[in-house]
Each structure stands twice: as structure tokens, then as C-alpha cells.
Amino acid sequence: MSTEKLPKKLGKNEIVLREHEFDGIQEFDQKLPNWWLFSFYGAIVFYIGYWFIYYSTDLLPTEVESINARMTVIETAKKKELEAMMDKLDDSVLLTWSQEDSITKEGEDVYKQFCIACHGATLEGGIGRSLVDAEWAHGSQPMDILNIVLDGTPADSQGYNGQKMTPWKDALGPEKCAKVTAYLISQNPHIEK
């Protein structure tokens, strides 16, 4: 290893090396390229301008406004999905679904997750009405049952034991509500299939 130092300026492009050396390695001491400096200073100017526009003017939406706009788009899409699903559903579709094992299995899974607390493990009732007897307070047709699951107990109803059923269309969506209805139809011996 040579202890001889390299000259400070090398070649015709005048590459400058720093004075210090470590383990025989010297560092360049060059000016940064202009494109890099312009990018760096431009980013600083952009940040300051964006910060000023965002916090001092109403030209850009706030985070709350942005989230509310996205939620509006989602709610609109959910309403369109519900309308499209309700347009194609009728009693015959729900009766057909009630005889398909894959659909009733999905409906049973949803029932166990969301409905079992009020209507019991065997659908015999408790807080909510029994779902296996012949008595249906708001209609026994498949679409009547689906509408109760979607919209809950009607506003003018007294409820069962003073309790009204919650609407599930927002929490579950129309497809899961329809599958739960198909499961309920498949389990009730009093509904003609």
C-alpha cells in the first residue's frame, strides 16, 4: 500500500479529490449536477406551494371531503346493486335457491353469524320470532320474507315482545340477504316449495 497521495487535480476535466484519505481511499469533491440541484430545489418549492394551497385556500378538497366523496360513490354503487338484484328476484328465484345446497349453505353461514342471537340456533325464536312455524306476521311469501330481512320490521309494527327487527340490507348487502332468505325457506316446513 502506497503512502503517496494522489494530486489534488487529475486530468483535463479537473476532478477534485478531498484532502483526507481512509484505507487508501479518497473521495471526490465535486459540485452536484445542475439537473439534480434543480430537481431538489423544485421539490422544495412544490412542497411549499402545495402546503400553502392545501391549508390556506379552498382550491383542493380536504381529506374529509375526499373520503365523503368516495363514500358517496360507494353508496351509489350499493344502491344500484340492490336495485338490480331486486329487479331479478322474485318468489320463484328464491324458491329455486332454497333447494340448492351451495346457496342454502352460504345462507346458513350468514344466519349463524348474524341472526342466531335473536332467532336461535334451530330457528325456534327467542328475542325474535320463530322462523320454523306457520305464523308469519308480515307475509309468508319468499319476497315478503326477503323484504323483512332487507328493511326490518315495518315502522307501524309493534314488533315481537316489543323488539323490532333491524334492517340488514346495508350491513349484509342484497345477495347475502337473499341467501339467508333461501336458507330460511329451506328450513321452514310450512312454506310450499
Protein backbone atom coordinates (compact mmCIF):
# COMPACT_ATOMS: atom_id res chain seq x y z
CA MET A 1 0.00 0.00 0.00
CA SER A 2 1.43 3.30 -1.11
CA THR A 3 1.55 6.26 1.23
CA GLU A 4 1.93 8.59 -1.69
CA LYS A 5 -1.07 10.92 -2.10
CA LEU A 6 -2.69 11.49 -5.45
CA PRO A 7 -2.52 15.01 -6.78
CA LYS A 8 -5.48 17.23 -5.96
CA LYS A 9 -6.44 17.78 -9.62
CA LEU A 10 -6.38 14.96 -12.13
CA GLY A 11 -6.78 15.13 -15.89
CA LYS A 12 -8.18 17.88 -18.06
CA ASN A 13 -11.73 17.79 -16.51
CA GLU A 14 -10.20 18.86 -13.23
CA ILE A 15 -11.67 16.20 -10.95
CA VAL A 16 -11.13 17.35 -7.38
CA LEU A 17 -10.36 14.91 -4.57
CA ARG A 18 -10.75 15.66 -0.89
CA GLU A 19 -7.64 16.05 1.21
CA HIS A 20 -8.37 13.25 3.67
CA GLU A 21 -7.81 9.56 2.99
CA PHE A 22 -9.01 6.41 4.75
CA ASP A 23 -7.66 2.94 3.99
CA GLY A 24 -6.17 4.27 0.80
CA ILE A 25 -9.49 5.56 -0.46
CA GLN A 26 -10.05 9.18 -1.37
CA GLU A 27 -13.40 10.90 -2.05
CA PHE A 28 -14.39 13.12 -4.93
CA ASP A 29 -15.23 16.69 -4.02
CA GLN A 30 -17.36 17.64 -7.00
CA LYS A 31 -20.22 20.05 -7.47
CA LEU A 32 -23.61 18.36 -7.82
CA PRO A 33 -25.05 18.28 -11.36
CA ASN A 34 -27.46 21.09 -12.20
CA TRP A 35 -30.30 18.69 -13.09
CA TRP A 36 -30.07 17.23 -9.57
CA LEU A 37 -30.00 20.66 -7.91
CA PHE A 38 -32.97 21.89 -9.99
CA SER A 39 -34.93 18.74 -9.08
CA PHE A 40 -34.13 19.18 -5.39
CA TYR A 41 -34.98 22.89 -5.25
CA GLY A 42 -38.05 22.34 -7.43
CA ALA A 43 -39.34 19.71 -4.97
CA ILE A 44 -38.91 22.17 -2.11
CA VAL A 45 -40.78 24.92 -4.00
CA PHE A 46 -43.55 22.46 -4.97
CA TYR A 47 -43.94 21.33 -1.33
CA ILE A 48 -44.20 24.91 -0.05
CA GLY A 49 -46.70 25.83 -2.77
CA TYR A 50 -48.80 22.70 -2.22
CA TRP A 51 -48.76 23.22 1.54
CA PHE A 52 -49.92 26.83 1.11
CA ILE A 53 -52.68 25.91 -1.37
CA TYR A 54 -53.90 22.93 0.69
CA TYR A 55 -54.02 24.64 4.08
CA SER A 56 -54.69 28.28 3.16
CA THR A 57 -57.15 28.07 0.28
CA ASP A 58 -60.21 26.06 -0.68
CA LEU A 59 -58.81 25.04 -4.07
CA LEU A 60 -58.10 21.42 -3.05
CA PRO A 61 -60.52 19.11 -1.20
CA THR A 62 -59.69 18.24 2.40
CA GLU A 63 -59.25 14.64 3.50
CA VAL A 64 -62.77 14.60 4.97
CA GLU A 65 -64.26 15.92 1.72
CA SER A 66 -62.30 13.37 -0.29
CA ILE A 67 -63.45 10.48 1.91
CA ASN A 68 -67.06 11.71 1.83
CA ALA A 69 -66.94 11.85 -1.98
CA ARG A 70 -65.62 8.28 -2.13
CA MET A 71 -68.29 7.08 0.32
CA THR A 72 -70.98 8.70 -1.84
CA VAL A 73 -69.68 6.78 -4.87
CA ILE A 74 -69.73 3.52 -2.85
CA GLU A 75 -73.26 4.16 -1.54
CA THR A 76 -74.49 4.92 -5.06
CA ALA A 77 -72.97 1.68 -6.34
CA LYS A 78 -74.58 -0.28 -3.48
CA LYS A 79 -77.99 1.23 -4.24
CA LYS A 80 -77.64 0.32 -7.94
CA GLU A 81 -76.63 -3.23 -6.99
CA LEU A 82 -79.62 -3.54 -4.68
CA GLU A 83 -81.99 -2.26 -7.36
CA ALA A 84 -80.52 -4.61 -9.99
CA MET A 85 -80.76 -7.59 -7.64
CA MET A 86 -84.29 -6.76 -6.57
CA ASP A 87 -85.34 -6.44 -10.22
CA LYS A 88 -84.27 -10.00 -11.00
CA LEU A 89 -85.51 -11.58 -7.75
CA ASP A 90 -88.97 -12.97 -7.35
CA ASP A 91 -90.65 -15.76 -5.41
CA SER A 92 -89.68 -18.44 -7.95
CA VAL A 93 -85.97 -17.49 -7.85
CA LEU A 94 -85.90 -17.63 -4.04
CA LEU A 95 -87.76 -20.97 -4.05
CA THR A 96 -85.24 -22.36 -6.56
CA TRP A 97 -82.35 -21.08 -4.46
CA SER A 98 -83.87 -22.72 -1.36
CA GLN A 99 -83.32 -26.11 -2.99
CA GLU A 100 -79.69 -25.51 -3.98
CA ASP A 101 -77.34 -26.82 -1.31
CA SER A 102 -74.49 -24.40 -2.06
CA ILE A 103 -76.75 -21.35 -1.67
CA THR A 104 -78.50 -22.60 1.47
CA LYS A 105 -75.09 -23.44 2.98
CA GLU A 106 -73.93 -19.85 2.41
CA GLY A 107 -77.24 -18.61 3.84
CA GLU A 108 -76.79 -20.83 6.88
CA ASP A 109 -73.29 -19.42 7.46
CA VAL A 110 -74.66 -15.86 7.33
CA TYR A 111 -77.54 -16.87 9.64
CA LYS A 112 -75.10 -18.32 12.19
CA GLN A 113 -73.01 -15.17 12.11
CA PHE A 114 -75.74 -12.51 12.27
CA CYS A 115 -79.19 -13.96 13.06
CA ILE A 116 -78.68 -16.75 15.61
CA ALA A 117 -78.57 -14.37 18.59
CA CYS A 118 -82.21 -13.32 18.13
CA HIS A 119 -83.79 -16.25 16.30
CA GLY A 120 -81.98 -19.17 17.99
CA ALA A 121 -79.73 -21.98 16.79
CA THR A 122 -82.63 -24.06 15.49
CA LEU A 123 -84.66 -21.06 14.24
CA GLU A 124 -87.15 -21.58 17.09
CA GLY A 125 -87.09 -17.94 18.17
CA GLY A 126 -86.21 -16.17 21.38
CA ILE A 127 -85.76 -12.42 21.25
CA GLY A 128 -87.03 -12.62 17.66
CA ARG A 129 -89.87 -14.65 16.16
CA SER A 130 -89.72 -18.35 15.37
CA LEU A 131 -88.77 -18.94 11.75
CA VAL A 132 -89.97 -22.56 11.52
CA ASP A 133 -93.64 -22.20 12.45
CA ALA A 134 -96.55 -21.39 10.15
CA GLU A 135 -97.09 -17.91 11.59
CA TRP A 136 -95.58 -15.05 9.57
CA ALA A 137 -96.62 -11.62 10.84
CA HIS A 138 -95.57 -9.72 7.72
CA GLY A 139 -96.28 -12.20 4.90
CA SER A 140 -95.17 -15.77 4.23
CA GLN A 141 -94.20 -15.42 0.56
CA PRO A 142 -90.46 -15.56 -0.18
CA MET A 143 -90.31 -11.91 -1.30
CA ASP A 144 -92.18 -10.86 1.86
CA ILE A 145 -89.54 -12.64 3.96
CA LEU A 146 -86.71 -11.08 1.93
CA ASN A 147 -88.19 -7.60 2.36
CA ILE A 148 -88.30 -8.07 6.15
CA VAL A 149 -84.65 -9.17 6.14
CA LEU A 150 -83.67 -6.23 3.93
CA ASP A 151 -85.77 -3.46 5.52
CA GLY A 152 -86.51 -4.76 9.01
CA THR A 153 -89.85 -4.63 10.76
CA PRO A 154 -92.26 -2.04 9.30
CA ALA A 155 -92.39 1.28 11.16
CA ASP A 156 -96.06 0.88 12.12
CA SER A 157 -95.49 -2.59 13.62
CA GLN A 158 -95.40 -3.29 17.35
CA GLY A 159 -92.56 -5.78 16.91
CA TYR A 160 -92.22 -9.09 18.72
CA ASN A 161 -92.01 -8.82 22.51
CA GLY A 162 -91.51 -5.10 21.99
CA GLN A 163 -88.46 -5.68 19.76
CA LYS A 164 -88.32 -4.71 16.11
CA MET A 165 -86.06 -6.42 13.58
CA THR A 166 -83.13 -4.40 12.34
CA PRO A 167 -82.78 -3.80 8.58
CA TRP A 168 -79.84 -5.80 7.20
CA LYS A 169 -79.56 -4.51 3.62
CA ASP A 170 -76.70 -2.10 4.42
CA ALA A 171 -74.76 -4.47 6.66
CA LEU A 172 -75.11 -7.63 4.57
CA GLY A 173 -76.00 -6.45 1.09
CA PRO A 174 -78.77 -7.84 -1.08
CA GLU A 175 -77.05 -11.07 -2.10
CA LYS A 176 -76.42 -12.30 1.45
CA CYS A 177 -79.94 -11.26 2.48
CA ALA A 178 -81.36 -13.30 -0.41
CA LYS A 179 -79.23 -16.32 0.54
CA VAL A 180 -80.36 -16.11 4.17
CA THR A 181 -83.96 -15.96 2.93
CA ALA A 182 -83.36 -19.06 0.78
CA TYR A 183 -81.93 -20.82 3.85
CA LEU A 184 -84.98 -19.84 5.95
CA ILE A 185 -87.35 -21.12 3.26
CA SER A 186 -85.46 -24.40 3.07
CA GLN A 187 -85.77 -24.89 6.85
CA ASN A 188 -89.44 -23.98 7.22
CA PRO A 189 -91.73 -26.97 6.56
CA HIS A 190 -94.82 -24.73 6.23
CA ILE A 191 -93.66 -22.88 3.10
CA GLU A 192 -94.59 -24.63 -0.14
CA LYS A 193 -91.51 -25.32 -2.22
